[in-house]
Amino acid sequence: MLVGYMRVSSDNDRQSTALQRDALIAAGVDARHLFEDKASGARDDRPGLQRCLDYVKAGDILVVWKLDRLGRSLPHLLDIVAGLREKGVAFRSLTEGMDTDTPHGELLFQIFGALAQYERALTRERVQAGLAAARRRGKRGGRPLAVEPEKLEAVIAALNAGTSKAAVCRTFGIPRSTLVDTLARVGWTGPTAVTPA
C-alpha cells in the first residue's frame, strides 16, 4: 500500500499542501492514506509525521513529494528511512525520483548515508580545532559561570569560613543546584580549598 506524507512550513492560508496532495494522488496514493503537518521541518513534534510512521507497516511504501518535506536535515532523513527499513517499509520521493524499493534508490541512500557520516566527522573536527585554538588563547570552553566572579569569591570565602551551603544559598540568593554546579566547575572541594584569585 502507498502511504503519503505532506508538510508545509506554516499554518497560514498562503501555504497549502494542495500541490503535494495532487502529486501524491497522481502517483497512486489513496486520499484516505495521506498524512500532513503544517509546521517547520526543524520541529521534532510533528504529529502528522508521527501518525504516519505509526500507521505504515511491512510491505507499505511511504511516499513524499520532495525529500525536504520529510526530514529536517540529511541525518534526520536517513534516521527516518532507516526506521522505515527496519519495519520493512520502502520510501519514495517523487521529485527526486528516489525509491528505496529499487537497486538505484538503495544505492543513492547508501551514498547519502556516507555523506552524512562524512559531514558529522568534519563538524566534529572543526569543533575540536576551534576548542584547541581557544585554549591556546587562554579561553575556557563551556557555558559561562552562572555566578559572577565577585559574588563567587564571597560565596567561597563564606563556605571556607564554615557557612553551610543552605545558608550561602539563602544569603546570596543562589539556587542550590546552581551553587553545586558552579563549585564543581571551579574545582572547590571543601572548606580547605583555596579561594580563587
N, C-alpha and C. Protein backbone atom coordinates (compact mmCIF):
# COMPACT_ATOMS: atom_id res chain seq x y z
N MET A 1 0.84 -1.19 0.00
CA MET A 1 0.00 0.00 0.00
C MET A 1 0.88 1.25 0.00
N LEU A 2 0.48 2.26 -0.74
CA LEU A 2 1.17 3.54 -0.76
C LEU A 2 0.57 4.45 0.32
N VAL A 3 1.46 5.05 1.13
CA VAL A 3 1.04 5.98 2.19
C VAL A 3 1.76 7.29 1.93
N GLY A 4 1.04 8.40 1.94
CA GLY A 4 1.65 9.69 1.62
C GLY A 4 1.82 10.59 2.83
N TYR A 5 2.89 11.38 2.80
CA TYR A 5 3.10 12.38 3.85
C TYR A 5 3.36 13.73 3.18
N MET A 6 2.68 14.78 3.70
CA MET A 6 2.82 16.14 3.16
C MET A 6 3.14 17.09 4.30
N ARG A 7 3.89 18.14 3.99
CA ARG A 7 4.17 19.16 5.01
C ARG A 7 4.37 20.50 4.36
N VAL A 8 3.81 21.53 4.99
CA VAL A 8 4.14 22.92 4.67
C VAL A 8 4.67 23.55 5.95
N SER A 9 5.49 24.58 5.79
CA SER A 9 6.20 25.15 6.94
C SER A 9 5.35 25.99 7.86
N SER A 10 4.23 26.47 7.37
CA SER A 10 3.46 27.42 8.16
C SER A 10 1.99 27.07 8.16
N ASP A 11 1.32 27.54 9.20
CA ASP A 11 -0.10 27.28 9.39
C ASP A 11 -0.98 28.31 8.67
N ASN A 12 -0.34 29.35 8.07
CA ASN A 12 -1.18 30.41 7.47
C ASN A 12 -1.80 29.96 6.15
N ASP A 13 -2.75 30.73 5.67
CA ASP A 13 -3.52 30.36 4.49
C ASP A 13 -2.72 30.43 3.19
N ARG A 14 -1.59 31.13 3.21
CA ARG A 14 -0.81 31.27 1.97
C ARG A 14 -0.09 29.98 1.60
N GLN A 15 0.16 29.13 2.59
CA GLN A 15 0.83 27.86 2.30
C GLN A 15 -0.18 26.74 2.34
N SER A 16 -0.18 25.93 1.31
CA SER A 16 -1.16 24.86 1.20
C SER A 16 -0.46 23.57 0.77
N THR A 17 -1.03 22.45 1.17
CA THR A 17 -0.49 21.16 0.76
C THR A 17 -1.12 20.68 -0.55
N ALA A 18 -1.92 21.53 -1.20
CA ALA A 18 -2.66 21.12 -2.40
C ALA A 18 -1.75 20.56 -3.49
N LEU A 19 -0.62 21.22 -3.77
CA LEU A 19 0.31 20.75 -4.81
C LEU A 19 0.83 19.36 -4.46
N GLN A 20 1.23 19.19 -3.20
CA GLN A 20 1.75 17.89 -2.77
C GLN A 20 0.66 16.82 -2.84
N ARG A 21 -0.55 17.20 -2.37
CA ARG A 21 -1.68 16.25 -2.37
C ARG A 21 -1.96 15.77 -3.80
N ASP A 22 -2.01 16.69 -4.74
CA ASP A 22 -2.29 16.33 -6.14
C ASP A 22 -1.22 15.39 -6.69
N ALA A 23 0.05 15.71 -6.39
CA ALA A 23 1.15 14.88 -6.89
C ALA A 23 1.12 13.48 -6.27
N LEU A 24 0.82 13.39 -4.99
CA LEU A 24 0.78 12.09 -4.32
C LEU A 24 -0.39 11.25 -4.82
N ILE A 25 -1.54 11.88 -5.02
CA ILE A 25 -2.71 11.14 -5.53
C ILE A 25 -2.45 10.68 -6.97
N ALA A 26 -1.81 11.55 -7.78
CA ALA A 26 -1.46 11.17 -9.15
C ALA A 26 -0.48 10.00 -9.17
N ALA A 27 0.35 9.88 -8.12
CA ALA A 27 1.32 8.79 -8.03
C ALA A 27 0.69 7.50 -7.51
N GLY A 28 -0.60 7.56 -7.17
CA GLY A 28 -1.30 6.34 -6.77
C GLY A 28 -1.62 6.22 -5.29
N VAL A 29 -1.35 7.27 -4.52
CA VAL A 29 -1.67 7.23 -3.09
C VAL A 29 -3.16 7.51 -2.92
N ASP A 30 -3.83 6.66 -2.17
CA ASP A 30 -5.25 6.85 -1.88
C ASP A 30 -5.39 8.05 -0.93
N ALA A 31 -6.33 8.93 -1.19
CA ALA A 31 -6.52 10.14 -0.37
C ALA A 31 -6.78 9.79 1.10
N ARG A 32 -7.28 8.59 1.38
CA ARG A 32 -7.52 8.17 2.78
C ARG A 32 -6.24 7.82 3.51
N HIS A 33 -5.15 7.68 2.75
CA HIS A 33 -3.86 7.30 3.35
C HIS A 33 -2.85 8.44 3.29
N LEU A 34 -3.35 9.66 3.39
CA LEU A 34 -2.48 10.84 3.38
C LEU A 34 -2.39 11.43 4.80
N PHE A 35 -1.18 11.81 5.19
CA PHE A 35 -0.95 12.45 6.48
C PHE A 35 -0.28 13.78 6.22
N GLU A 36 -0.58 14.78 7.05
CA GLU A 36 0.03 16.09 6.80
C GLU A 36 0.35 16.82 8.10
N ASP A 37 1.30 17.75 7.96
CA ASP A 37 1.67 18.66 9.05
C ASP A 37 1.75 20.05 8.48
N LYS A 38 1.41 21.02 9.32
CA LYS A 38 1.65 22.43 8.99
C LYS A 38 2.58 22.95 10.06
N ALA A 39 3.86 22.68 9.87
CA ALA A 39 4.88 23.03 10.87
C ALA A 39 6.23 23.04 10.20
N SER A 40 7.15 23.78 10.79
CA SER A 40 8.52 23.85 10.28
C SER A 40 9.14 22.46 10.30
N GLY A 41 9.96 22.18 9.30
CA GLY A 41 10.66 20.90 9.24
C GLY A 41 11.66 20.75 10.36
N ALA A 42 12.06 21.86 10.98
CA ALA A 42 13.04 21.81 12.07
C ALA A 42 12.42 21.31 13.37
N ARG A 43 11.09 21.30 13.42
CA ARG A 43 10.41 20.88 14.65
C ARG A 43 10.41 19.37 14.79
N ASP A 44 10.62 18.90 16.02
CA ASP A 44 10.58 17.47 16.29
C ASP A 44 9.16 16.98 16.49
N ASP A 45 8.29 17.86 16.98
CA ASP A 45 6.92 17.44 17.31
C ASP A 45 6.00 17.67 16.13
N ARG A 46 6.03 16.74 15.20
CA ARG A 46 5.14 16.82 14.04
C ARG A 46 4.15 15.66 14.17
N PRO A 47 2.95 15.94 14.70
CA PRO A 47 2.00 14.86 14.95
C PRO A 47 1.59 14.09 13.70
N GLY A 48 1.47 14.78 12.57
CA GLY A 48 1.09 14.09 11.34
C GLY A 48 2.14 13.07 10.94
N LEU A 49 3.42 13.44 11.04
CA LEU A 49 4.50 12.52 10.71
C LEU A 49 4.50 11.33 11.67
N GLN A 50 4.30 11.61 12.95
CA GLN A 50 4.28 10.52 13.92
C GLN A 50 3.14 9.55 13.65
N ARG A 51 1.95 10.08 13.33
CA ARG A 51 0.82 9.20 12.99
C ARG A 51 1.12 8.38 11.74
N CYS A 52 1.77 9.02 10.77
CA CYS A 52 2.13 8.33 9.53
C CYS A 52 3.11 7.19 9.81
N LEU A 53 4.15 7.47 10.59
CA LEU A 53 5.16 6.45 10.90
C LEU A 53 4.57 5.31 11.72
N ASP A 54 3.59 5.63 12.58
CA ASP A 54 2.92 4.59 13.36
C ASP A 54 1.99 3.75 12.47
N TYR A 55 1.45 4.36 11.43
CA TYR A 55 0.45 3.73 10.56
C TYR A 55 1.07 2.73 9.58
N VAL A 56 2.24 3.09 8.98
CA VAL A 56 2.82 2.23 7.95
C VAL A 56 3.24 0.89 8.54
N LYS A 57 3.14 -0.14 7.70
CA LYS A 57 3.52 -1.49 8.14
C LYS A 57 4.34 -2.16 7.03
N ALA A 58 4.91 -3.30 7.36
CA ALA A 58 5.77 -4.02 6.41
C ALA A 58 5.05 -4.20 5.07
N GLY A 59 5.78 -3.92 3.99
CA GLY A 59 5.23 -4.03 2.64
C GLY A 59 4.70 -2.72 2.09
N ASP A 60 4.46 -1.72 2.97
CA ASP A 60 3.98 -0.41 2.51
C ASP A 60 5.13 0.39 1.91
N ILE A 61 4.77 1.46 1.20
CA ILE A 61 5.75 2.42 0.68
C ILE A 61 5.31 3.81 1.14
N LEU A 62 6.19 4.50 1.86
CA LEU A 62 5.92 5.87 2.27
C LEU A 62 6.36 6.78 1.13
N VAL A 63 5.44 7.62 0.66
CA VAL A 63 5.71 8.48 -0.49
C VAL A 63 5.64 9.93 -0.07
N VAL A 64 6.65 10.72 -0.48
CA VAL A 64 6.62 12.17 -0.26
C VAL A 64 6.82 12.86 -1.60
N TRP A 65 6.38 14.10 -1.67
CA TRP A 65 6.55 14.88 -2.89
C TRP A 65 8.02 15.23 -3.10
N LYS A 66 8.70 15.59 -1.99
CA LYS A 66 10.09 16.03 -2.07
C LYS A 66 10.79 15.63 -0.77
N LEU A 67 12.09 15.32 -0.84
CA LEU A 67 12.83 14.86 0.34
C LEU A 67 12.74 15.82 1.52
N ASP A 68 12.80 17.13 1.25
CA ASP A 68 12.82 18.08 2.38
C ASP A 68 11.47 18.19 3.09
N ARG A 69 10.43 17.54 2.56
CA ARG A 69 9.15 17.52 3.26
C ARG A 69 9.18 16.56 4.44
N LEU A 70 10.10 15.58 4.39
CA LEU A 70 10.14 14.55 5.42
C LEU A 70 11.14 14.86 6.53
N GLY A 71 12.41 15.06 6.18
CA GLY A 71 13.45 15.24 7.20
C GLY A 71 13.89 16.67 7.32
N ARG A 72 14.31 17.07 8.54
CA ARG A 72 14.77 18.44 8.76
C ARG A 72 16.22 18.62 8.34
N SER A 73 16.94 17.51 8.19
CA SER A 73 18.33 17.53 7.74
C SER A 73 18.62 16.16 7.13
N LEU A 74 19.77 16.04 6.48
CA LEU A 74 20.12 14.77 5.87
C LEU A 74 20.23 13.66 6.92
N PRO A 75 20.92 13.88 8.06
CA PRO A 75 20.97 12.82 9.07
C PRO A 75 19.58 12.44 9.60
N HIS A 76 18.70 13.45 9.79
CA HIS A 76 17.35 13.16 10.28
C HIS A 76 16.57 12.34 9.25
N LEU A 77 16.69 12.71 8.00
CA LEU A 77 16.02 11.97 6.92
C LEU A 77 16.51 10.52 6.89
N LEU A 78 17.82 10.35 7.01
CA LEU A 78 18.37 8.99 6.97
C LEU A 78 17.91 8.17 8.17
N ASP A 79 17.77 8.81 9.34
CA ASP A 79 17.26 8.11 10.53
C ASP A 79 15.83 7.62 10.29
N ILE A 80 15.00 8.49 9.71
CA ILE A 80 13.61 8.11 9.44
C ILE A 80 13.57 6.94 8.46
N VAL A 81 14.36 7.03 7.38
CA VAL A 81 14.35 5.97 6.38
C VAL A 81 14.90 4.66 6.96
N ALA A 82 15.91 4.77 7.84
CA ALA A 82 16.44 3.56 8.48
C ALA A 82 15.36 2.91 9.36
N GLY A 83 14.58 3.75 10.06
CA GLY A 83 13.48 3.23 10.87
C GLY A 83 12.42 2.56 10.01
N LEU A 84 12.15 3.14 8.83
CA LEU A 84 11.19 2.53 7.91
C LEU A 84 11.71 1.18 7.43
N ARG A 85 12.99 1.14 7.10
CA ARG A 85 13.59 -0.10 6.59
C ARG A 85 13.48 -1.22 7.63
N GLU A 86 13.70 -0.86 8.91
CA GLU A 86 13.59 -1.86 9.97
C GLU A 86 12.18 -2.44 10.04
N LYS A 87 11.18 -1.63 9.71
CA LYS A 87 9.79 -2.10 9.72
C LYS A 87 9.41 -2.80 8.42
N GLY A 88 10.32 -2.82 7.44
CA GLY A 88 10.01 -3.43 6.15
C GLY A 88 9.23 -2.51 5.23
N VAL A 89 9.37 -1.18 5.47
CA VAL A 89 8.65 -0.18 4.68
C VAL A 89 9.63 0.50 3.73
N ALA A 90 9.26 0.61 2.47
CA ALA A 90 10.09 1.30 1.48
C ALA A 90 9.79 2.79 1.51
N PHE A 91 10.65 3.57 0.84
CA PHE A 91 10.49 5.03 0.81
C PHE A 91 10.63 5.51 -0.62
N ARG A 92 9.77 6.47 -1.00
CA ARG A 92 9.81 7.01 -2.36
C ARG A 92 9.66 8.52 -2.30
N SER A 93 10.50 9.24 -3.05
CA SER A 93 10.37 10.69 -3.19
C SER A 93 10.11 11.00 -4.65
N LEU A 94 8.99 11.64 -4.94
CA LEU A 94 8.58 11.86 -6.33
C LEU A 94 9.48 12.83 -7.08
N THR A 95 9.80 13.96 -6.48
CA THR A 95 10.57 15.00 -7.18
C THR A 95 11.98 14.51 -7.53
N GLU A 96 12.62 13.84 -6.59
CA GLU A 96 13.99 13.37 -6.83
C GLU A 96 14.03 12.03 -7.54
N GLY A 97 12.86 11.41 -7.72
CA GLY A 97 12.81 10.11 -8.40
C GLY A 97 13.53 9.02 -7.62
N MET A 98 13.46 9.10 -6.30
CA MET A 98 14.17 8.15 -5.46
C MET A 98 13.20 7.12 -4.92
N ASP A 99 13.61 5.86 -4.97
CA ASP A 99 12.76 4.77 -4.48
C ASP A 99 13.66 3.71 -3.88
N THR A 100 13.57 3.51 -2.55
CA THR A 100 14.45 2.53 -1.90
C THR A 100 14.04 1.10 -2.22
N ASP A 101 12.94 0.94 -2.96
CA ASP A 101 12.50 -0.38 -3.38
C ASP A 101 13.25 -0.84 -4.63
N THR A 102 14.07 0.07 -5.20
CA THR A 102 14.86 -0.28 -6.40
C THR A 102 16.35 -0.26 -6.05
N PRO A 103 17.17 -1.02 -6.77
CA PRO A 103 18.62 -1.01 -6.51
C PRO A 103 19.22 0.39 -6.64
N HIS A 104 18.74 1.17 -7.62
CA HIS A 104 19.25 2.53 -7.84
C HIS A 104 18.95 3.42 -6.63
N GLY A 105 17.71 3.36 -6.14
CA GLY A 105 17.33 4.16 -4.98
C GLY A 105 18.08 3.75 -3.72
N GLU A 106 18.28 2.45 -3.57
CA GLU A 106 19.04 1.94 -2.41
C GLU A 106 20.47 2.44 -2.45
N LEU A 107 21.08 2.43 -3.65
CA LEU A 107 22.45 2.92 -3.80
C LEU A 107 22.53 4.40 -3.43
N LEU A 108 21.56 5.20 -3.91
CA LEU A 108 21.56 6.63 -3.59
C LEU A 108 21.48 6.86 -2.08
N PHE A 109 20.66 6.08 -1.39
CA PHE A 109 20.57 6.26 0.06
C PHE A 109 21.84 5.84 0.77
N GLN A 110 22.53 4.83 0.25
CA GLN A 110 23.81 4.44 0.84
C GLN A 110 24.83 5.58 0.67
N ILE A 111 24.80 6.23 -0.50
CA ILE A 111 25.70 7.37 -0.74
C ILE A 111 25.34 8.52 0.18
N PHE A 112 24.04 8.80 0.34
CA PHE A 112 23.61 9.86 1.25
C PHE A 112 24.08 9.57 2.67
N GLY A 113 23.98 8.30 3.08
CA GLY A 113 24.42 7.92 4.42
C GLY A 113 25.90 8.17 4.62
N ALA A 114 26.70 7.83 3.61
CA ALA A 114 28.14 8.07 3.70
C ALA A 114 28.44 9.56 3.76
N LEU A 115 27.70 10.36 2.98
CA LEU A 115 27.90 11.81 3.00
C LEU A 115 27.53 12.41 4.36
N ALA A 116 26.45 11.92 4.95
CA ALA A 116 26.03 12.42 6.27
C ALA A 116 27.08 12.08 7.32
N GLN A 117 27.63 10.87 7.24
CA GLN A 117 28.67 10.47 8.20
C GLN A 117 29.91 11.34 8.01
N TYR A 118 30.28 11.61 6.77
CA TYR A 118 31.43 12.47 6.48
C TYR A 118 31.20 13.88 7.01
N GLU A 119 29.97 14.40 6.83
CA GLU A 119 29.61 15.74 7.32
C GLU A 119 29.74 15.81 8.85
N ARG A 120 29.26 14.76 9.55
CA ARG A 120 29.37 14.73 11.02
C ARG A 120 30.82 14.72 11.45
N ALA A 121 31.66 13.95 10.74
CA ALA A 121 33.09 13.87 11.09
C ALA A 121 33.77 15.23 10.88
N LEU A 122 33.43 15.91 9.79
CA LEU A 122 34.01 17.24 9.53
C LEU A 122 33.58 18.24 10.60
N THR A 123 32.32 18.20 10.98
CA THR A 123 31.81 19.10 12.01
C THR A 123 32.54 18.86 13.33
N ARG A 124 32.68 17.59 13.72
CA ARG A 124 33.39 17.25 14.95
C ARG A 124 34.84 17.75 14.90
N GLU A 125 35.48 17.58 13.74
CA GLU A 125 36.86 18.02 13.57
C GLU A 125 36.98 19.54 13.71
N ARG A 126 36.04 20.28 13.12
CA ARG A 126 36.06 21.75 13.20
C ARG A 126 35.84 22.21 14.64
N VAL A 127 34.92 21.55 15.36
CA VAL A 127 34.66 21.93 16.75
C VAL A 127 35.90 21.70 17.60
N GLN A 128 36.55 20.54 17.42
CA GLN A 128 37.76 20.24 18.20
C GLN A 128 38.87 21.24 17.90
N ALA A 129 39.04 21.59 16.62
CA ALA A 129 40.07 22.56 16.24
C ALA A 129 39.77 23.93 16.85
N GLY A 130 38.49 24.33 16.86
CA GLY A 130 38.10 25.61 17.45
C GLY A 130 38.35 25.64 18.95
N LEU A 131 38.03 24.55 19.63
CA LEU A 131 38.27 24.48 21.08
C LEU A 131 39.76 24.52 21.40
N ALA A 132 40.56 23.81 20.59
CA ALA A 132 42.02 23.81 20.81
C ALA A 132 42.59 25.21 20.60
N ALA A 133 42.12 25.90 19.56
CA ALA A 133 42.60 27.27 19.29
C ALA A 133 42.20 28.21 20.44
N ALA A 134 40.99 28.04 20.97
CA ALA A 134 40.53 28.88 22.08
C ALA A 134 41.36 28.62 23.33
N ARG A 135 41.68 27.34 23.58
CA ARG A 135 42.52 27.02 24.75
C ARG A 135 43.91 27.65 24.62
N ARG A 136 44.46 27.63 23.40
CA ARG A 136 45.78 28.25 23.18
C ARG A 136 45.75 29.75 23.46
N ARG A 137 44.58 30.36 23.24
CA ARG A 137 44.43 31.80 23.50
C ARG A 137 44.05 32.07 24.96
N GLY A 138 43.97 30.99 25.75
CA GLY A 138 43.66 31.16 27.17
C GLY A 138 42.18 31.19 27.47
N LYS A 139 41.35 30.87 26.51
CA LYS A 139 39.90 30.86 26.73
C LYS A 139 39.49 29.49 27.23
N ARG A 140 38.47 29.48 28.07
CA ARG A 140 37.94 28.23 28.59
C ARG A 140 36.61 27.94 27.91
N GLY A 141 36.40 26.71 27.47
CA GLY A 141 35.17 26.34 26.79
C GLY A 141 34.02 26.15 27.77
N GLY A 142 32.86 25.93 27.23
CA GLY A 142 31.69 25.66 28.05
C GLY A 142 30.88 26.91 28.33
N ARG A 143 29.80 26.70 29.08
CA ARG A 143 28.93 27.82 29.42
C ARG A 143 29.65 28.75 30.38
N PRO A 144 29.33 30.04 30.35
CA PRO A 144 29.89 30.93 31.36
C PRO A 144 29.30 30.58 32.73
N LEU A 145 30.05 30.86 33.78
CA LEU A 145 29.55 30.57 35.13
C LEU A 145 28.30 31.38 35.40
N ALA A 146 27.36 30.76 36.12
CA ALA A 146 26.08 31.41 36.43
C ALA A 146 26.23 32.43 37.55
N VAL A 147 27.33 32.35 38.29
CA VAL A 147 27.56 33.26 39.42
C VAL A 147 28.72 34.18 39.05
N GLU A 148 28.53 35.51 39.21
CA GLU A 148 29.57 36.46 38.85
C GLU A 148 30.83 36.20 39.69
N PRO A 149 32.02 36.48 39.14
CA PRO A 149 33.27 36.20 39.85
C PRO A 149 33.35 36.84 41.26
N GLU A 150 32.88 38.10 41.41
CA GLU A 150 32.96 38.77 42.72
C GLU A 150 32.07 38.05 43.73
N LYS A 151 30.86 37.70 43.29
CA LYS A 151 29.93 37.00 44.18
C LYS A 151 30.48 35.62 44.52
N LEU A 152 31.08 34.94 43.53
CA LEU A 152 31.64 33.61 43.75
C LEU A 152 32.76 33.66 44.78
N GLU A 153 33.57 34.70 44.70
CA GLU A 153 34.65 34.86 45.68
C GLU A 153 34.08 34.97 47.10
N ALA A 154 33.02 35.76 47.27
CA ALA A 154 32.39 35.93 48.58
C ALA A 154 31.73 34.63 49.03
N VAL A 155 31.13 33.89 48.11
CA VAL A 155 30.50 32.61 48.43
C VAL A 155 31.55 31.63 48.94
N ILE A 156 32.66 31.52 48.22
CA ILE A 156 33.71 30.57 48.62
C ILE A 156 34.33 30.98 49.95
N ALA A 157 34.49 32.28 50.15
CA ALA A 157 35.03 32.75 51.44
C ALA A 157 34.08 32.35 52.57
N ALA A 158 32.77 32.50 52.35
CA ALA A 158 31.79 32.11 53.38
C ALA A 158 31.82 30.61 53.63
N LEU A 159 31.92 29.83 52.57
CA LEU A 159 31.98 28.38 52.72
C LEU A 159 33.26 27.95 53.43
N ASN A 160 34.38 28.60 53.09
CA ASN A 160 35.65 28.29 53.74
C ASN A 160 35.62 28.65 55.22
N ALA A 161 34.77 29.64 55.56
CA ALA A 161 34.65 30.05 56.97
C ALA A 161 33.69 29.15 57.74
N GLY A 162 33.10 28.16 57.05
CA GLY A 162 32.24 27.21 57.74
C GLY A 162 30.76 27.41 57.55
N THR A 163 30.34 28.36 56.75
CA THR A 163 28.91 28.58 56.49
C THR A 163 28.38 27.41 55.66
N SER A 164 27.18 26.95 55.99
CA SER A 164 26.60 25.83 55.24
C SER A 164 26.18 26.28 53.85
N LYS A 165 26.07 25.31 52.94
CA LYS A 165 25.64 25.62 51.58
C LYS A 165 24.21 26.19 51.58
N ALA A 166 23.36 25.65 52.44
CA ALA A 166 21.98 26.14 52.52
C ALA A 166 21.95 27.61 52.92
N ALA A 167 22.78 27.97 53.91
CA ALA A 167 22.83 29.36 54.37
C ALA A 167 23.39 30.27 53.27
N VAL A 168 24.41 29.78 52.56
CA VAL A 168 25.00 30.57 51.47
C VAL A 168 23.95 30.80 50.37
N CYS A 169 23.19 29.76 50.05
CA CYS A 169 22.14 29.89 49.02
C CYS A 169 21.13 30.96 49.42
N ARG A 170 20.71 30.95 50.70
CA ARG A 170 19.74 31.94 51.17
C ARG A 170 20.34 33.34 51.15
N THR A 171 21.55 33.47 51.66
CA THR A 171 22.20 34.78 51.78
C THR A 171 22.45 35.42 50.41
N PHE A 172 22.94 34.62 49.47
CA PHE A 172 23.33 35.17 48.18
C PHE A 172 22.25 35.01 47.10
N GLY A 173 21.14 34.38 47.47
CA GLY A 173 20.04 34.22 46.50
C GLY A 173 20.42 33.34 45.33
N ILE A 174 21.13 32.24 45.60
CA ILE A 174 21.56 31.33 44.53
C ILE A 174 20.83 29.99 44.72
N PRO A 175 20.23 29.45 43.68
CA PRO A 175 19.63 28.12 43.80
C PRO A 175 20.70 27.09 44.13
N ARG A 176 20.34 26.10 44.94
CA ARG A 176 21.31 25.10 45.38
C ARG A 176 21.97 24.39 44.20
N SER A 177 21.18 24.01 43.18
CA SER A 177 21.76 23.30 42.03
C SER A 177 22.79 24.17 41.31
N THR A 178 22.53 25.48 41.23
CA THR A 178 23.48 26.40 40.59
C THR A 178 24.76 26.48 41.42
N LEU A 179 24.60 26.55 42.74
CA LEU A 179 25.78 26.61 43.62
C LEU A 179 26.63 25.36 43.48
N VAL A 180 26.00 24.20 43.53
CA VAL A 180 26.73 22.94 43.44
C VAL A 180 27.45 22.83 42.09
N ASP A 181 26.75 23.18 41.01
CA ASP A 181 27.34 23.12 39.68
C ASP A 181 28.52 24.08 39.55
N THR A 182 28.35 25.31 40.05
CA THR A 182 29.41 26.32 39.95
C THR A 182 30.63 25.89 40.75
N LEU A 183 30.42 25.38 41.95
CA LEU A 183 31.55 24.94 42.78
C LEU A 183 32.30 23.79 42.12
N ALA A 184 31.56 22.90 41.50
CA ALA A 184 32.21 21.77 40.81
C ALA A 184 33.02 22.27 39.63
N ARG A 185 32.50 23.26 38.91
CA ARG A 185 33.20 23.77 37.74
C ARG A 185 34.47 24.53 38.09
N VAL A 186 34.49 25.18 39.27
CA VAL A 186 35.72 25.90 39.66
C VAL A 186 36.66 25.02 40.48
N GLY A 187 36.20 23.78 40.78
CA GLY A 187 37.08 22.84 41.47
C GLY A 187 37.10 22.99 42.98
N TRP A 188 36.10 23.66 43.57
CA TRP A 188 36.05 23.80 45.03
C TRP A 188 35.59 22.48 45.62
N THR A 189 36.38 21.91 46.55
CA THR A 189 36.04 20.60 47.10
C THR A 189 35.70 20.64 48.57
N GLY A 190 35.88 21.75 49.24
CA GLY A 190 35.56 21.83 50.65
C GLY A 190 36.22 23.02 51.30
N PRO A 191 35.97 23.21 52.60
CA PRO A 191 36.49 24.38 53.32
C PRO A 191 38.01 24.55 53.28
N THR A 192 38.75 23.49 52.94
CA THR A 192 40.20 23.64 52.89
C THR A 192 40.67 24.18 51.55
N ALA A 193 39.72 24.26 50.59
CA ALA A 193 40.11 24.75 49.26
C ALA A 193 40.55 26.20 49.33
N VAL A 194 41.41 26.56 48.40
CA VAL A 194 41.92 27.93 48.35
C VAL A 194 40.96 28.77 47.52
N THR A 195 40.64 29.96 48.01
CA THR A 195 39.76 30.87 47.28
C THR A 195 40.44 31.28 45.98
N PRO A 196 39.72 31.18 44.84
CA PRO A 196 40.35 31.53 43.55
C PRO A 196 40.73 33.00 43.50
N ALA A 197 41.81 33.27 42.79
CA ALA A 197 42.27 34.66 42.68
C ALA A 197 41.43 35.41 41.68
